């Protein structure tokens, strides 16, 4: 799952609350910040799929 959050400087505290929620809910979330397009800032969150199969074999095992 990929999530993109766009915000302005005055909305940074709201963004921190949202990112904090996702870090609490999904401990393995990756977070990347980008300030390339002023006046907007962007945060990209990536959560791994827990139902992704392990390996390429005859049997596929899924984690929950």
N, C-alpha and C. Protein backbone atom coordinates (compact mmCIF):
# COMPACT_ATOMS: atom_id res chain seq x y z
N UNK A 1 0.86 -1.16 0.00
CA UNK A 1 0.00 0.00 0.00
C UNK A 1 0.91 1.23 0.00
N UNK A 2 0.60 2.18 -0.84
CA UNK A 2 1.36 3.42 -0.90
C UNK A 2 0.41 4.59 -0.65
N UNK A 3 0.88 5.53 0.16
CA UNK A 3 0.08 6.69 0.53
C UNK A 3 0.92 7.93 0.30
N UNK A 4 0.33 8.95 -0.34
CA UNK A 4 1.02 10.22 -0.55
C UNK A 4 0.24 11.30 0.18
N UNK A 5 0.93 12.08 1.00
CA UNK A 5 0.31 13.18 1.73
C UNK A 5 0.95 14.48 1.25
N UNK A 6 0.15 15.40 0.77
CA UNK A 6 0.62 16.73 0.36
C UNK A 6 0.12 17.73 1.39
N UNK A 7 1.02 18.62 1.83
CA UNK A 7 0.63 19.58 2.86
C UNK A 7 1.45 20.86 2.70
N UNK A 8 0.96 21.93 3.30
CA UNK A 8 1.69 23.19 3.35
C UNK A 8 2.34 23.32 4.72
N UNK A 9 3.24 24.27 4.87
CA UNK A 9 4.02 24.41 6.10
C UNK A 9 3.14 24.59 7.34
N UNK A 10 2.02 25.29 7.21
CA UNK A 10 1.15 25.51 8.38
C UNK A 10 0.35 24.27 8.76
N UNK A 11 0.39 23.22 7.96
CA UNK A 11 -0.34 21.97 8.25
C UNK A 11 0.58 20.85 8.73
N UNK A 12 1.82 21.20 9.09
CA UNK A 12 2.80 20.17 9.44
C UNK A 12 2.40 19.37 10.68
N UNK A 13 1.79 20.01 11.68
CA UNK A 13 1.40 19.28 12.88
C UNK A 13 0.32 18.25 12.59
N UNK A 14 -0.61 18.57 11.69
CA UNK A 14 -1.62 17.60 11.28
C UNK A 14 -0.98 16.43 10.55
N UNK A 15 0.00 16.71 9.71
CA UNK A 15 0.70 15.66 8.98
C UNK A 15 1.43 14.74 9.96
N UNK A 16 2.05 15.30 11.00
CA UNK A 16 2.77 14.49 11.98
C UNK A 16 1.81 13.56 12.73
N UNK A 17 0.59 14.04 13.01
CA UNK A 17 -0.43 13.18 13.64
C UNK A 17 -0.80 12.01 12.74
N UNK A 18 -0.98 12.29 11.46
CA UNK A 18 -1.37 11.24 10.51
C UNK A 18 -0.25 10.22 10.35
N UNK A 19 0.98 10.69 10.19
CA UNK A 19 2.12 9.78 10.04
C UNK A 19 2.31 8.97 11.32
N UNK A 20 2.12 9.60 12.47
CA UNK A 20 2.23 8.88 13.74
C UNK A 20 1.20 7.76 13.85
N UNK A 21 -0.01 8.01 13.37
CA UNK A 21 -1.04 6.97 13.38
C UNK A 21 -0.61 5.77 12.54
N UNK A 22 -0.11 6.04 11.33
CA UNK A 22 0.29 4.94 10.46
C UNK A 22 1.51 4.19 11.01
N UNK A 23 2.44 4.89 11.65
CA UNK A 23 3.60 4.21 12.25
C UNK A 23 3.18 3.34 13.42
N UNK A 24 2.15 3.77 14.13
CA UNK A 24 1.62 2.97 15.24
C UNK A 24 0.88 1.74 14.72
N UNK A 25 0.10 1.93 13.70
CA UNK A 25 -0.73 0.85 13.13
C UNK A 25 0.10 -0.15 12.34
N UNK A 26 1.09 0.33 11.60
CA UNK A 26 1.95 -0.51 10.76
C UNK A 26 3.40 -0.23 11.14
N UNK A 27 3.99 -1.00 12.05
CA UNK A 27 5.35 -0.71 12.52
C UNK A 27 6.42 -0.76 11.43
N UNK A 28 6.19 -1.50 10.36
CA UNK A 28 7.21 -1.62 9.31
C UNK A 28 7.01 -0.62 8.17
N UNK A 29 6.30 0.47 8.43
CA UNK A 29 6.03 1.48 7.39
C UNK A 29 7.33 2.23 7.06
N UNK A 30 7.53 2.50 5.77
CA UNK A 30 8.65 3.33 5.33
C UNK A 30 8.10 4.73 5.06
N UNK A 31 8.83 5.73 5.50
CA UNK A 31 8.38 7.11 5.37
C UNK A 31 9.47 7.92 4.67
N UNK A 32 9.06 8.68 3.65
CA UNK A 32 10.02 9.50 2.89
C UNK A 32 9.41 10.89 2.70
N UNK A 33 10.20 11.92 2.99
CA UNK A 33 9.76 13.30 2.84
C UNK A 33 10.38 13.93 1.60
N UNK A 34 9.63 14.80 0.95
CA UNK A 34 10.12 15.48 -0.25
C UNK A 34 9.67 16.94 -0.21
N UNK A 35 10.61 17.87 -0.39
CA UNK A 35 10.30 19.30 -0.42
C UNK A 35 10.64 19.89 -1.79
N UNK A 36 10.45 19.13 -2.82
CA UNK A 36 10.89 19.50 -4.16
C UNK A 36 9.99 20.56 -4.81
N UNK A 37 8.71 20.63 -4.44
CA UNK A 37 7.77 21.52 -5.13
C UNK A 37 7.17 22.54 -4.17
N UNK A 38 7.90 23.60 -3.84
CA UNK A 38 7.36 24.60 -2.92
C UNK A 38 6.11 25.24 -3.50
N UNK A 39 5.17 25.68 -2.74
CA UNK A 39 5.09 25.73 -1.29
C UNK A 39 4.59 24.43 -0.66
N UNK A 40 4.41 23.40 -1.47
CA UNK A 40 3.88 22.14 -0.95
C UNK A 40 5.01 21.21 -0.55
N UNK A 41 4.75 20.45 0.50
CA UNK A 41 5.66 19.40 0.95
C UNK A 41 4.93 18.09 0.77
N UNK A 42 5.66 17.02 0.59
CA UNK A 42 5.06 15.71 0.36
C UNK A 42 5.68 14.68 1.29
N UNK A 43 4.85 13.76 1.76
CA UNK A 43 5.32 12.61 2.54
C UNK A 43 4.79 11.38 1.84
N UNK A 44 5.67 10.42 1.63
CA UNK A 44 5.30 9.16 0.98
C UNK A 44 5.43 8.04 2.00
N UNK A 45 4.36 7.29 2.21
CA UNK A 45 4.36 6.16 3.13
C UNK A 45 4.20 4.88 2.32
N UNK A 46 4.99 3.87 2.65
CA UNK A 46 4.90 2.58 1.99
C UNK A 46 4.78 1.51 3.06
N UNK A 47 3.74 0.69 2.95
CA UNK A 47 3.51 -0.41 3.88
C UNK A 47 3.64 -1.70 3.10
N UNK A 48 4.40 -2.65 3.64
CA UNK A 48 4.58 -3.93 2.96
C UNK A 48 3.30 -4.75 3.02
N UNK A 49 3.08 -5.56 1.99
CA UNK A 49 1.93 -6.45 1.93
C UNK A 49 2.21 -7.69 2.77
N UNK A 50 1.43 -7.93 3.80
CA UNK A 50 1.67 -9.08 4.68
C UNK A 50 1.21 -10.38 4.06
N UNK A 51 0.45 -10.34 2.99
CA UNK A 51 -0.01 -11.57 2.34
C UNK A 51 0.84 -11.91 1.12
N UNK A 52 2.02 -11.33 1.03
CA UNK A 52 2.90 -11.60 -0.10
C UNK A 52 3.53 -12.99 0.07
N UNK A 53 3.54 -13.80 -0.98
CA UNK A 53 4.10 -15.15 -0.85
C UNK A 53 5.61 -15.12 -0.63
N UNK A 54 6.10 -16.13 0.10
CA UNK A 54 7.52 -16.29 0.37
C UNK A 54 8.14 -17.19 -0.68
N UNK A 55 9.07 -16.68 -1.43
CA UNK A 55 9.80 -17.51 -2.39
C UNK A 55 8.99 -17.85 -3.62
N UNK A 56 9.68 -18.47 -4.58
CA UNK A 56 9.05 -18.88 -5.83
C UNK A 56 9.13 -20.40 -5.91
N UNK A 57 8.28 -21.07 -5.25
CA UNK A 57 8.34 -22.52 -5.25
C UNK A 57 7.01 -23.14 -5.59
N UNK A 58 6.92 -24.44 -5.32
CA UNK A 58 5.69 -25.17 -5.62
C UNK A 58 4.57 -24.74 -4.69
N UNK A 59 4.92 -24.61 -3.40
CA UNK A 59 3.92 -24.21 -2.41
C UNK A 59 4.17 -22.76 -2.02
N UNK A 60 3.10 -22.01 -1.89
CA UNK A 60 3.22 -20.63 -1.46
C UNK A 60 2.72 -20.51 -0.04
N UNK A 61 3.55 -19.92 0.82
CA UNK A 61 3.17 -19.71 2.21
C UNK A 61 2.86 -18.23 2.38
N UNK A 62 1.83 -17.94 3.12
CA UNK A 62 1.42 -16.57 3.36
C UNK A 62 1.57 -16.27 4.84
N UNK A 63 1.98 -15.04 5.15
CA UNK A 63 2.05 -14.60 6.54
C UNK A 63 0.83 -13.75 6.83
N UNK A 64 0.39 -13.79 8.05
CA UNK A 64 -0.77 -12.98 8.45
C UNK A 64 -0.40 -11.98 9.49
